[in-house]
Amino acid sequence: MDERRFSAILEIKVSGLVEAYMDSTKASLEDALKTIYGSKLYKTLEREETKVWHFSSALLLDCIMQEL
């Protein structure tokens, strides 16, 4: 997959994850962004070859909650 297309997909996935995290934890947008962008999950998610971007927002949320 080309980098531009993957970047667009990643943006959508992260947006869904941030929203799910905020709903689940009642965190502010700023706190949710700090948590997600600072996570090991995000470092894995941003690498296309891991295929983690295929996961649903619910599964990504479960992964981030387990990490925390």
PDB file of N, CA and C in Angstrom:
ATOM      1  N   MET A   1       0.854  -1.172   0.000  1.00  0.00           N
ATOM      2  CA  MET A   1       0.000   0.000   0.000  1.00  0.00           C
ATOM      3  C   MET A   1       0.900   1.235   0.000  1.00  0.00           C
ATOM      4  N   ASP A   2       0.507   2.231  -0.772  1.00  0.00           N
ATOM      5  CA  ASP A   2       1.343   3.432  -0.800  1.00  0.00           C
ATOM      6  C   ASP A   2       1.182   4.229   0.497  1.00  0.00           C
ATOM      7  N   GLU A   3       2.187   5.033   0.781  1.00  0.00           N
ATOM      8  CA  GLU A   3       2.261   5.758   2.045  1.00  0.00           C
ATOM      9  C   GLU A   3       1.104   6.741   2.235  1.00  0.00           C
ATOM     10  N   ARG A   4       0.683   7.391   1.182  1.00  0.00           N
ATOM     11  CA  ARG A   4      -0.406   8.362   1.274  1.00  0.00           C
ATOM     12  C   ARG A   4      -1.717   7.697   1.676  1.00  0.00           C
ATOM     13  N   ARG A   5      -1.983   6.565   1.069  1.00  0.00           N
ATOM     14  CA  ARG A   5      -3.219   5.836   1.391  1.00  0.00           C
ATOM     15  C   ARG A   5      -3.176   5.325   2.828  1.00  0.00           C
ATOM     16  N   PHE A   6      -2.025   4.788   3.225  1.00  0.00           N
ATOM     17  CA  PHE A   6      -1.902   4.294   4.589  1.00  0.00           C
ATOM     18  C   PHE A   6      -2.057   5.427   5.596  1.00  0.00           C
ATOM     19  N   SER A   7      -1.495   6.579   5.328  1.00  0.00           N
ATOM     20  CA  SER A   7      -1.629   7.733   6.234  1.00  0.00           C
ATOM     21  C   SER A   7      -3.091   8.114   6.430  1.00  0.00           C
ATOM     22  N   ALA A   8      -3.870   8.059   5.357  1.00  0.00           N
ATOM     23  CA  ALA A   8      -5.297   8.373   5.450  1.00  0.00           C
ATOM     24  C   ALA A   8      -6.029   7.342   6.310  1.00  0.00           C
ATOM     25  N   ILE A   9      -5.700   6.071   6.114  1.00  0.00           N
ATOM     26  CA  ILE A   9      -6.323   5.011   6.907  1.00  0.00           C
ATOM     27  C   ILE A   9      -5.939   5.154   8.372  1.00  0.00           C
ATOM     28  N   LEU A  10      -4.660   5.427   8.633  1.00  0.00           N
ATOM     29  CA  LEU A  10      -4.187   5.589   9.997  1.00  0.00           C
ATOM     30  C   LEU A  10      -4.905   6.733  10.697  1.00  0.00           C
ATOM     31  N   GLU A  11      -5.104   7.825   9.992  1.00  0.00           N
ATOM     32  CA  GLU A  11      -5.811   8.974  10.570  1.00  0.00           C
ATOM     33  C   GLU A  11      -7.228   8.593  10.985  1.00  0.00           C
ATOM     34  N   ILE A  12      -7.913   7.834  10.155  1.00  0.00           N
ATOM     35  CA  ILE A  12      -9.280   7.394  10.461  1.00  0.00           C
ATOM     36  C   ILE A  12      -9.269   6.456  11.667  1.00  0.00           C
ATOM     37  N   LYS A  13      -8.331   5.520  11.690  1.00  0.00           N
ATOM     38  CA  LYS A  13      -8.242   4.556  12.797  1.00  0.00           C
ATOM     39  C   LYS A  13      -7.953   5.260  14.118  1.00  0.00           C
ATOM     40  N   VAL A  14      -7.008   6.186  14.107  1.00  0.00           N
ATOM     41  CA  VAL A  14      -6.653   6.897  15.330  1.00  0.00           C
ATOM     42  C   VAL A  14      -7.821   7.756  15.802  1.00  0.00           C
ATOM     43  N   SER A  15      -8.519   8.381  14.887  1.00  0.00           N
ATOM     44  CA  SER A  15      -9.678   9.192  15.245  1.00  0.00           C
ATOM     45  C   SER A  15     -10.739   8.342  15.951  1.00  0.00           C
ATOM     46  N   GLY A  16     -11.011   7.163  15.402  1.00  0.00           N
ATOM     47  CA  GLY A  16     -11.979   6.256  16.025  1.00  0.00           C
ATOM     48  C   GLY A  16     -11.510   5.777  17.381  1.00  0.00           C
ATOM     49  N   LEU A  17     -10.226   5.504  17.502  1.00  0.00           N
ATOM     50  CA  LEU A  17      -9.669   5.058  18.772  1.00  0.00           C
ATOM     51  C   LEU A  17      -9.731   6.164  19.821  1.00  0.00           C
ATOM     52  N   VAL A  18      -9.404   7.374  19.440  1.00  0.00           N
ATOM     53  CA  VAL A  18      -9.464   8.502  20.375  1.00  0.00           C
ATOM     54  C   VAL A  18     -10.896   8.676  20.869  1.00  0.00           C
ATOM     55  N   GLU A  19     -11.840   8.631  19.966  1.00  0.00           N
ATOM     56  CA  GLU A  19     -13.250   8.780  20.340  1.00  0.00           C
ATOM     57  C   GLU A  19     -13.685   7.669  21.292  1.00  0.00           C
ATOM     58  N   ALA A  20     -13.320   6.429  20.973  1.00  0.00           N
ATOM     59  CA  ALA A  20     -13.687   5.292  21.822  1.00  0.00           C
ATOM     60  C   ALA A  20     -13.032   5.408  23.196  1.00  0.00           C
ATOM     61  N   TYR A  21     -11.781   5.844  23.218  1.00  0.00           N
ATOM     62  CA  TYR A  21     -11.064   6.005  24.488  1.00  0.00           C
ATOM     63  C   TYR A  21     -11.726   7.090  25.343  1.00  0.00           C
ATOM     64  N   MET A  22     -12.078   8.199  24.728  1.00  0.00           N
ATOM     65  CA  MET A  22     -12.725   9.286  25.465  1.00  0.00           C
ATOM     66  C   MET A  22     -14.072   8.834  26.016  1.00  0.00           C
ATOM     67  N   ASP A  23     -14.845   8.107  25.231  1.00  0.00           N
ATOM     68  CA  ASP A  23     -16.142   7.600  25.690  1.00  0.00           C
ATOM     69  C   ASP A  23     -15.977   6.631  26.853  1.00  0.00           C
ATOM     70  N   SER A  24     -14.988   5.778  26.747  1.00  0.00           N
ATOM     71  CA  SER A  24     -14.778   4.735  27.748  1.00  0.00           C
ATOM     72  C   SER A  24     -14.229   5.279  29.067  1.00  0.00           C
ATOM     73  N   THR A  25     -13.311   6.239  28.976  1.00  0.00           N
ATOM     74  CA  THR A  25     -12.613   6.711  30.177  1.00  0.00           C
ATOM     75  C   THR A  25     -13.060   8.093  30.652  1.00  0.00           C
ATOM     76  N   LYS A  26     -13.861   8.755  29.841  1.00  0.00           N
ATOM     77  CA  LYS A  26     -14.282  10.143  30.118  1.00  0.00           C
ATOM     78  C   LYS A  26     -13.091  11.100  30.149  1.00  0.00           C
ATOM     79  N   ALA A  27     -12.016  10.726  29.449  1.00  0.00           N
ATOM     80  CA  ALA A  27     -10.820  11.563  29.355  1.00  0.00           C
ATOM     81  C   ALA A  27     -11.083  12.738  28.414  1.00  0.00           C
ATOM     82  N   SER A  28     -10.332  13.801  28.604  1.00  0.00           N
ATOM     83  CA  SER A  28     -10.404  14.942  27.696  1.00  0.00           C
ATOM     84  C   SER A  28      -9.728  14.573  26.386  1.00  0.00           C
ATOM     85  N   LEU A  29      -9.964  15.358  25.365  1.00  0.00           N
ATOM     86  CA  LEU A  29      -9.321  15.130  24.075  1.00  0.00           C
ATOM     87  C   LEU A  29      -7.806  15.172  24.219  1.00  0.00           C
ATOM     88  N   GLU A  30      -7.311  16.151  24.939  1.00  0.00           N
ATOM     89  CA  GLU A  30      -5.866  16.290  25.131  1.00  0.00           C
ATOM     90  C   GLU A  30      -5.277  15.061  25.815  1.00  0.00           C
ATOM     91  N   ASP A  31      -5.924  14.588  26.872  1.00  0.00           N
ATOM     92  CA  ASP A  31      -5.424  13.406  27.578  1.00  0.00           C
ATOM     93  C   ASP A  31      -5.490  12.156  26.705  1.00  0.00           C
ATOM     94  N   ALA A  32      -6.561  12.025  25.945  1.00  0.00           N
ATOM     95  CA  ALA A  32      -6.707  10.870  25.058  1.00  0.00           C
ATOM     96  C   ALA A  32      -5.614  10.871  23.998  1.00  0.00           C
ATOM     97  N   LEU A  33      -5.350  12.017  23.406  1.00  0.00           N
ATOM     98  CA  LEU A  33      -4.306  12.116  22.387  1.00  0.00           C
ATOM     99  C   LEU A  33      -2.929  11.791  22.966  1.00  0.00           C
ATOM    100  N   LYS A  34      -2.631  12.323  24.146  1.00  0.00           N
ATOM    101  CA  LYS A  34      -1.348  12.046  24.788  1.00  0.00           C
ATOM    102  C   LYS A  34      -1.198  10.551  25.060  1.00  0.00           C
ATOM    103  N   THR A  35      -2.259   9.945  25.570  1.00  0.00           N
ATOM    104  CA  THR A  35      -2.216   8.518  25.894  1.00  0.00           C
ATOM    105  C   THR A  35      -2.008   7.677  24.654  1.00  0.00           C
ATOM    106  N   ILE A  36      -2.772   7.947  23.622  1.00  0.00           N
ATOM    107  CA  ILE A  36      -2.716   7.109  22.423  1.00  0.00           C
ATOM    108  C   ILE A  36      -1.419   7.327  21.655  1.00  0.00           C
ATOM    109  N   TYR A  37      -1.054   8.564  21.414  1.00  0.00           N
ATOM    110  CA  TYR A  37       0.169   8.819  20.643  1.00  0.00           C
ATOM    111  C   TYR A  37       1.435   8.415  21.405  1.00  0.00           C
ATOM    112  N   GLY A  38       1.349   8.317  22.715  1.00  0.00           N
ATOM    113  CA  GLY A  38       2.492   7.899  23.513  1.00  0.00           C
ATOM    114  C   GLY A  38       2.544   6.405  23.788  1.00  0.00           C
ATOM    115  N   SER A  39       1.610   5.663  23.245  1.00  0.00           N
ATOM    116  CA  SER A  39       1.497   4.233  23.556  1.00  0.00           C
ATOM    117  C   SER A  39       2.344   3.350  22.641  1.00  0.00           C
ATOM    118  N   LYS A  40       2.622   2.149  23.124  1.00  0.00           N
ATOM    119  CA  LYS A  40       3.291   1.134  22.309  1.00  0.00           C
ATOM    120  C   LYS A  40       2.355   0.716  21.174  1.00  0.00           C
ATOM    121  N   LEU A  41       1.062   0.686  21.467  1.00  0.00           N
ATOM    122  CA  LEU A  41       0.085   0.318  20.440  1.00  0.00           C
ATOM    123  C   LEU A  41       0.191   1.252  19.245  1.00  0.00           C
ATOM    124  N   TYR A  42       0.295   2.552  19.488  1.00  0.00           N
ATOM    125  CA  TYR A  42       0.386   3.495  18.374  1.00  0.00           C
ATOM    126  C   TYR A  42       1.648   3.245  17.551  1.00  0.00           C
ATOM    127  N   LYS A  43       2.748   2.959  18.226  1.00  0.00           N
ATOM    128  CA  LYS A  43       3.993   2.693  17.497  1.00  0.00           C
ATOM    129  C   LYS A  43       3.852   1.465  16.608  1.00  0.00           C
ATOM    130  N   THR A  44       3.061   0.502  17.044  1.00  0.00           N
ATOM    131  CA  THR A  44       2.780  -0.678  16.230  1.00  0.00           C
ATOM    132  C   THR A  44       1.787  -0.338  15.131  1.00  0.00           C
ATOM    133  N   LEU A  45       0.770   0.423  15.477  1.00  0.00           N
ATOM    134  CA  LEU A  45      -0.290   0.796  14.532  1.00  0.00           C
ATOM    135  C   LEU A  45       0.251   1.606  13.359  1.00  0.00           C
ATOM    136  N   GLU A  46       1.229   2.442  13.599  1.00  0.00           N
ATOM    137  CA  GLU A  46       1.731   3.303  12.531  1.00  0.00           C
ATOM    138  C   GLU A  46       2.650   2.583  11.546  1.00  0.00           C
ATOM    139  N   ARG A  47       2.958   1.325  11.836  1.00  0.00           N
ATOM    140  CA  ARG A  47       3.761   0.522  10.900  1.00  0.00           C
ATOM    141  C   ARG A  47       2.817  -0.355  10.080  1.00  0.00           C
ATOM    142  N   GLU A  48       2.670  -0.036   8.834  1.00  0.00           N
ATOM    143  CA  GLU A  48       1.704  -0.705   7.951  1.00  0.00           C
ATOM    144  C   GLU A  48       1.890  -2.213   7.927  1.00  0.00           C
ATOM    145  N   GLU A  49       3.121  -2.664   7.964  1.00  0.00           N
ATOM    146  CA  GLU A  49       3.392  -4.093   7.832  1.00  0.00           C
ATOM    147  C   GLU A  49       2.873  -4.938   8.998  1.00  0.00           C
ATOM    148  N   THR A  50       2.557  -4.307  10.138  1.00  0.00           N
ATOM    149  CA  THR A  50       2.027  -5.058  11.281  1.00  0.00           C
ATOM    150  C   THR A  50       0.570  -5.458  11.087  1.00  0.00           C
ATOM    151  N   LYS A  51      -0.120  -4.765  10.207  1.00  0.00           N
ATOM    152  CA  LYS A  51      -1.535  -5.012   9.896  1.00  0.00           C
ATOM    153  C   LYS A  51      -2.475  -4.751  11.078  1.00  0.00           C
ATOM    154  N   VAL A  52      -1.973  -4.099  12.131  1.00  0.00           N
ATOM    155  CA  VAL A  52      -2.809  -3.761  13.284  1.00  0.00           C
ATOM    156  C   VAL A  52      -3.914  -2.786  12.874  1.00  0.00           C
ATOM    157  N   TRP A  53      -3.678  -2.037  11.823  1.00  0.00           N
ATOM    158  CA  TRP A  53      -4.670  -1.073  11.341  1.00  0.00           C
ATOM    159  C   TRP A  53      -5.933  -1.768  10.842  1.00  0.00           C
ATOM    160  N   HIS A  54      -5.907  -3.067  10.694  1.00  0.00           N
ATOM    161  CA  HIS A  54      -7.104  -3.816  10.317  1.00  0.00           C
ATOM    162  C   HIS A  54      -8.078  -3.963  11.491  1.00  0.00           C
ATOM    163  N   PHE A  55      -7.591  -3.783  12.705  1.00  0.00           N
ATOM    164  CA  PHE A  55      -8.419  -3.980  13.894  1.00  0.00           C
ATOM    165  C   PHE A  55      -9.516  -2.918  13.980  1.00  0.00           C
ATOM    166  N   SER A  56     -10.627  -3.297  14.565  1.00  0.00           N
ATOM    167  CA  SER A  56     -11.731  -2.355  14.791  1.00  0.00           C
ATOM    168  C   SER A  56     -11.357  -1.392  15.925  1.00  0.00           C
ATOM    169  N   SER A  57     -12.107  -0.314  16.039  1.00  0.00           N
ATOM    170  CA  SER A  57     -11.870   0.638  17.133  1.00  0.00           C
ATOM    171  C   SER A  57     -12.053  -0.034  18.485  1.00  0.00           C
ATOM    172  N   ALA A  58     -13.037  -0.930  18.577  1.00  0.00           N
ATOM    173  CA  ALA A  58     -13.287  -1.637  19.841  1.00  0.00           C
ATOM    174  C   ALA A  58     -12.100  -2.518  20.220  1.00  0.00           C
ATOM    175  N   LEU A  59     -11.536  -3.215  19.259  1.00  0.00           N
ATOM    176  CA  LEU A  59     -10.388  -4.069  19.543  1.00  0.00           C
ATOM    177  C   LEU A  59      -9.153  -3.231  19.858  1.00  0.00           C
ATOM    178  N   LEU A  60      -8.963  -2.133  19.146  1.00  0.00           N
ATOM    179  CA  LEU A  60      -7.846  -1.234  19.447  1.00  0.00           C
ATOM    180  C   LEU A  60      -7.987  -0.654  20.848  1.00  0.00           C
ATOM    181  N   LEU A  61      -9.207  -0.303  21.219  1.00  0.00           N
ATOM    182  CA  LEU A  61      -9.457   0.211  22.580  1.00  0.00           C
ATOM    183  C   LEU A  61      -9.096  -0.847  23.614  1.00  0.00           C
ATOM    184  N   ASP A  62      -9.495  -2.079  23.372  1.00  0.00           N
ATOM    185  CA  ASP A  62      -9.157  -3.161  24.296  1.00  0.00           C
ATOM    186  C   ASP A  62      -7.640  -3.297  24.408  1.00  0.00           C
ATOM    187  N   CYS A  63      -6.942  -3.195  23.299  1.00  0.00           N
ATOM    188  CA  CYS A  63      -5.472  -3.281  23.310  1.00  0.00           C
ATOM    189  C   CYS A  63      -4.859  -2.159  24.126  1.00  0.00           C
ATOM    190  N   ILE A  64      -5.345  -0.939  23.961  1.00  0.00           N
ATOM    191  CA  ILE A  64      -4.768   0.195  24.680  1.00  0.00           C
ATOM    192  C   ILE A  64      -5.082   0.098  26.164  1.00  0.00           C
ATOM    193  N   MET A  65      -6.256  -0.402  26.507  1.00  0.00           N
ATOM    194  CA  MET A  65      -6.611  -0.546  27.915  1.00  0.00           C
ATOM    195  C   MET A  65      -5.744  -1.624  28.568  1.00  0.00           C
ATOM    196  N   GLN A  66      -5.446  -2.686  27.859  1.00  0.00           N
ATOM    197  CA  GLN A  66      -4.559  -3.720  28.400  1.00  0.00           C
ATOM    198  C   GLN A  66      -3.138  -3.174  28.584  1.00  0.00           C
ATOM    199  N   GLU A  67      -2.711  -2.341  27.646  1.00  0.00           N
ATOM    200  CA  GLU A  67      -1.379  -1.747  27.747  1.00  0.00           C
ATOM    201  C   GLU A  67      -1.273  -0.863  28.987  1.00  0.00           C
ATOM    202  N   LEU A  68      -2.328  -0.127  29.268  1.00  0.00           N
ATOM    203  CA  LEU A  68      -2.297   0.795  30.401  1.00  0.00           C
ATOM    204  C   LEU A  68      -2.403   0.040  31.697  1.00  0.00           C
TER     205      LEU A  68
END
